[in-house]
Protein backbone atom coordinates (compact mmCIF):
# COMPACT_ATOMS: atom_id res chain seq x y z
CA UNK A 1 6.69 -6.83 -13.58
CA UNK A 2 5.06 -7.62 -10.27
CA UNK A 3 7.03 -6.51 -7.23
CA UNK A 4 6.23 -6.65 -3.53
CA UNK A 5 8.03 -4.94 -0.71
CA UNK A 6 7.90 -5.85 2.93
CA UNK A 7 9.80 -5.00 6.08
CA UNK A 8 9.35 -4.25 9.71
CA UNK A 9 7.07 -1.37 10.79
CA UNK A 10 8.73 2.03 10.52
CA UNK A 11 11.54 0.91 8.19
CA UNK A 12 10.39 3.19 5.37
CA UNK A 13 8.17 1.13 3.08
CA UNK A 14 5.71 3.97 2.43
CA UNK A 15 8.52 6.48 1.95
CA UNK A 16 10.11 4.07 -0.52
CA UNK A 17 6.83 3.88 -2.48
CA UNK A 18 6.49 7.66 -2.49
CA UNK A 19 10.04 8.14 -3.77
CA UNK A 20 9.50 5.57 -6.52
CA UNK A 21 6.24 7.25 -7.57
CA UNK A 22 7.87 10.68 -7.52
CA UNK A 23 10.69 9.46 -9.78
CA UNK A 24 8.47 7.55 -12.22
CA UNK A 25 5.43 9.86 -12.37
CA UNK A 26 6.71 11.82 -15.38
CA UNK A 27 7.62 8.63 -17.27
CA UNK A 28 4.57 6.42 -16.69
CA UNK A 29 0.99 6.84 -15.41
CA UNK A 30 0.67 5.66 -11.81
CA UNK A 31 -2.50 4.82 -9.91
CA UNK A 32 -3.25 3.42 -6.49
CA UNK A 33 -2.61 4.67 -2.98
CA UNK A 34 -0.18 4.87 -0.10
CA UNK A 35 -1.13 4.61 3.56
CA UNK A 36 0.36 6.98 6.11
CA UNK A 37 0.14 7.13 9.86
CA UNK A 38 -1.48 10.22 11.37
CA UNK A 39 0.01 11.62 14.56
CA UNK A 40 -1.35 14.10 17.04
CA UNK A 41 0.88 15.47 19.80
CA UNK A 42 3.45 12.81 18.94
CA UNK A 43 1.04 9.88 19.27
CA UNK A 44 -0.25 7.80 16.39
CA UNK A 45 -4.02 8.23 16.18
CA UNK A 46 -4.74 6.36 12.97
CA UNK A 47 -4.00 5.83 9.31
CA UNK A 48 -5.08 7.60 6.12
CA UNK A 49 -4.92 6.44 2.51
CA UNK A 50 -3.67 8.94 -0.11
CA UNK A 51 -4.78 8.62 -3.75
CA UNK A 52 -1.63 8.79 -5.90
CA UNK A 53 -3.54 10.28 -8.84
CA UNK A 54 -5.56 13.02 -7.13
CA UNK A 55 -4.06 13.48 -3.66
CA UNK A 56 -7.47 12.84 -2.05
CA UNK A 57 -7.37 11.17 1.35
CA UNK A 58 -9.57 9.03 3.54
CA UNK A 59 -9.27 7.68 7.06
CA UNK A 60 -8.72 3.92 7.08
CA UNK A 61 -8.57 3.60 10.84
CA UNK A 62 -8.61 5.65 14.02
CA UNK A 63 -7.99 4.98 17.69
CA UNK A 64 -11.35 4.38 19.31
CA UNK A 65 -14.23 2.09 20.02
CA UNK A 66 -16.15 0.14 17.42
CA UNK A 67 -15.82 -2.79 15.06
CA UNK A 68 -13.98 -4.17 13.24
CA UNK A 69 -10.87 -3.55 15.24
CA UNK A 70 -7.16 -4.15 14.65
CA UNK A 71 -5.26 -3.54 17.86
CA UNK A 72 -6.38 -0.17 19.24
CA UNK A 73 -7.68 1.00 15.84
CA UNK A 74 -11.24 0.91 14.55
CA UNK A 75 -11.16 0.13 10.82
CA UNK A 76 -13.46 2.48 8.89
CA UNK A 77 -14.45 -0.08 6.28
CA UNK A 78 -17.28 1.88 4.62
CA UNK A 79 -15.17 5.01 4.11
CA UNK A 80 -12.24 2.96 2.81
CA UNK A 81 -14.45 1.07 0.35
CA UNK A 82 -15.96 4.29 -1.01
CA UNK A 83 -12.43 5.62 -1.51
CA UNK A 84 -11.40 2.45 -3.37
CA UNK A 85 -14.41 2.66 -5.69
CA UNK A 86 -13.47 6.22 -6.70
CA UNK A 87 -9.82 5.51 -7.46
CA UNK A 88 -8.59 5.45 -11.03
CA UNK A 89 -7.02 2.02 -11.64
CA UNK A 90 -5.86 2.72 -15.20
CA UNK A 91 -2.23 3.56 -14.47
CA UNK A 92 0.49 1.60 -16.22
CA UNK A 93 1.90 1.03 -12.73
CA UNK A 94 -0.52 0.25 -9.88
CA UNK A 95 0.80 0.87 -6.37
CA UNK A 96 -0.92 -0.48 -3.25
CA UNK A 97 0.55 0.44 0.14
CA UNK A 98 -0.37 -1.68 1.99
CA UNK A 99 -1.97 -5.09 2.01
CA UNK A 100 -2.28 -5.59 5.74
CA UNK A 101 -4.71 -6.55 8.49
CA UNK A 102 -6.65 -3.26 8.42
CA UNK A 103 -7.12 -3.17 4.66
CA UNK A 104 -8.09 -6.84 4.54
CA UNK A 105 -11.09 -6.14 6.80
CA UNK A 106 -12.67 -4.88 3.56
CA UNK A 107 -14.14 -7.49 1.20
CA UNK A 108 -14.07 -4.84 -1.56
CA UNK A 109 -10.31 -4.42 -1.03
CA UNK A 110 -9.67 -8.18 -1.17
CA UNK A 111 -11.71 -8.48 -4.38
CA UNK A 112 -9.86 -5.50 -5.86
CA UNK A 113 -6.46 -7.09 -5.13
CA UNK A 114 -7.62 -10.35 -6.74
CA UNK A 115 -8.71 -8.41 -9.83
CA UNK A 116 -5.46 -6.40 -9.97
CA UNK A 117 -3.35 -9.58 -9.93
CA UNK A 118 -3.91 -9.81 -13.69
CA UNK A 119 -2.37 -6.33 -14.22
CA UNK A 120 1.10 -6.34 -15.72
CA UNK A 121 2.95 -3.75 -13.58
CA UNK A 122 2.26 -3.88 -9.85
CA UNK A 123 4.06 -2.60 -6.76
CA UNK A 124 2.47 -3.87 -3.56
CA UNK A 125 3.53 -3.38 0.04
CA UNK A 126 2.69 -6.48 2.06
CA UNK A 127 2.58 -6.78 5.82
CA UNK A 128 5.68 -8.65 6.93
CA UNK A 129 4.21 -11.05 9.49
CA UNK A 130 0.60 -11.35 8.36
CA UNK A 131 -0.44 -14.91 7.62
CA UNK A 132 -3.23 -14.54 5.06
CA UNK A 133 -3.75 -16.58 1.86
CA UNK A 134 -3.71 -13.47 -0.37
CA UNK A 135 -0.51 -12.13 1.19
CA UNK A 136 1.15 -15.55 0.95
CA UNK A 137 0.19 -15.78 -2.73
CA UNK A 138 1.70 -12.37 -3.45
CA UNK A 139 4.91 -13.23 -1.58
CA UNK A 140 5.16 -16.45 -3.58
CA UNK A 141 4.38 -15.08 -7.06
CA UNK A 142 5.88 -11.56 -6.94
CA UNK A 143 9.54 -10.60 -6.82
CA UNK A 144 9.86 -9.79 -3.11
CA UNK A 145 12.13 -7.11 -1.64
CA UNK A 146 12.69 -6.87 2.11
CA UNK A 147 13.32 -3.23 3.03
CA UNK A 148 15.96 -2.39 5.63
CA UNK A 149 17.61 0.85 6.71
CA UNK A 150 20.69 -0.28 4.80
CA UNK A 151 19.06 -1.02 1.43
CA UNK A 152 16.06 1.33 1.18
CA UNK A 153 17.83 4.06 -0.82
CA UNK A 154 19.33 1.55 -3.25
CA UNK A 155 15.91 -0.08 -3.64
CA UNK A 156 14.47 3.19 -4.96
CA UNK A 157 17.02 3.08 -7.78
CA UNK A 158 16.60 -0.64 -8.47
CA UNK A 159 12.80 -0.60 -8.54
CA UNK A 160 12.67 2.56 -10.67
CA UNK A 161 15.01 0.92 -13.21
CA UNK A 162 12.73 -2.12 -13.37
CA UNK A 163 9.54 -0.14 -14.03
CA UNK A 164 11.11 2.50 -16.29
CA UNK A 165 12.00 -0.13 -18.93
């Protein structure tokens, strides 16, 4: 089953992925990563990716100067690509949080997503408003869930049932 989740920023997409992984981890092997914001003194200073298999982390972006840039964040493409190359992609379920403007600055990431599209069990988080051919393809060919404050807890149960079969 190929599922995608989307929703507005801050609605709980990453938390939803983490809860699903926590519930399914003992039943099926999971690989991939989740992306979390990093805050300092209450202000967001960047984003880190967390390997779901090992717990290792890498900065994807930080506030600062440099290129490429998405908003106020410099995307650390080289570090992100090294992280991607070291990930174990052999899980029965592959989770990618998220396919968004920062991640898509990496050609390695885009190629990886293309390759993963042939995998049987996928859970991708896709940026809600991003107009990109890869994101549009996923939205069209995956079962798409839009996360809201009202449905996010029920979605944990529903998605876990789907992948636990």
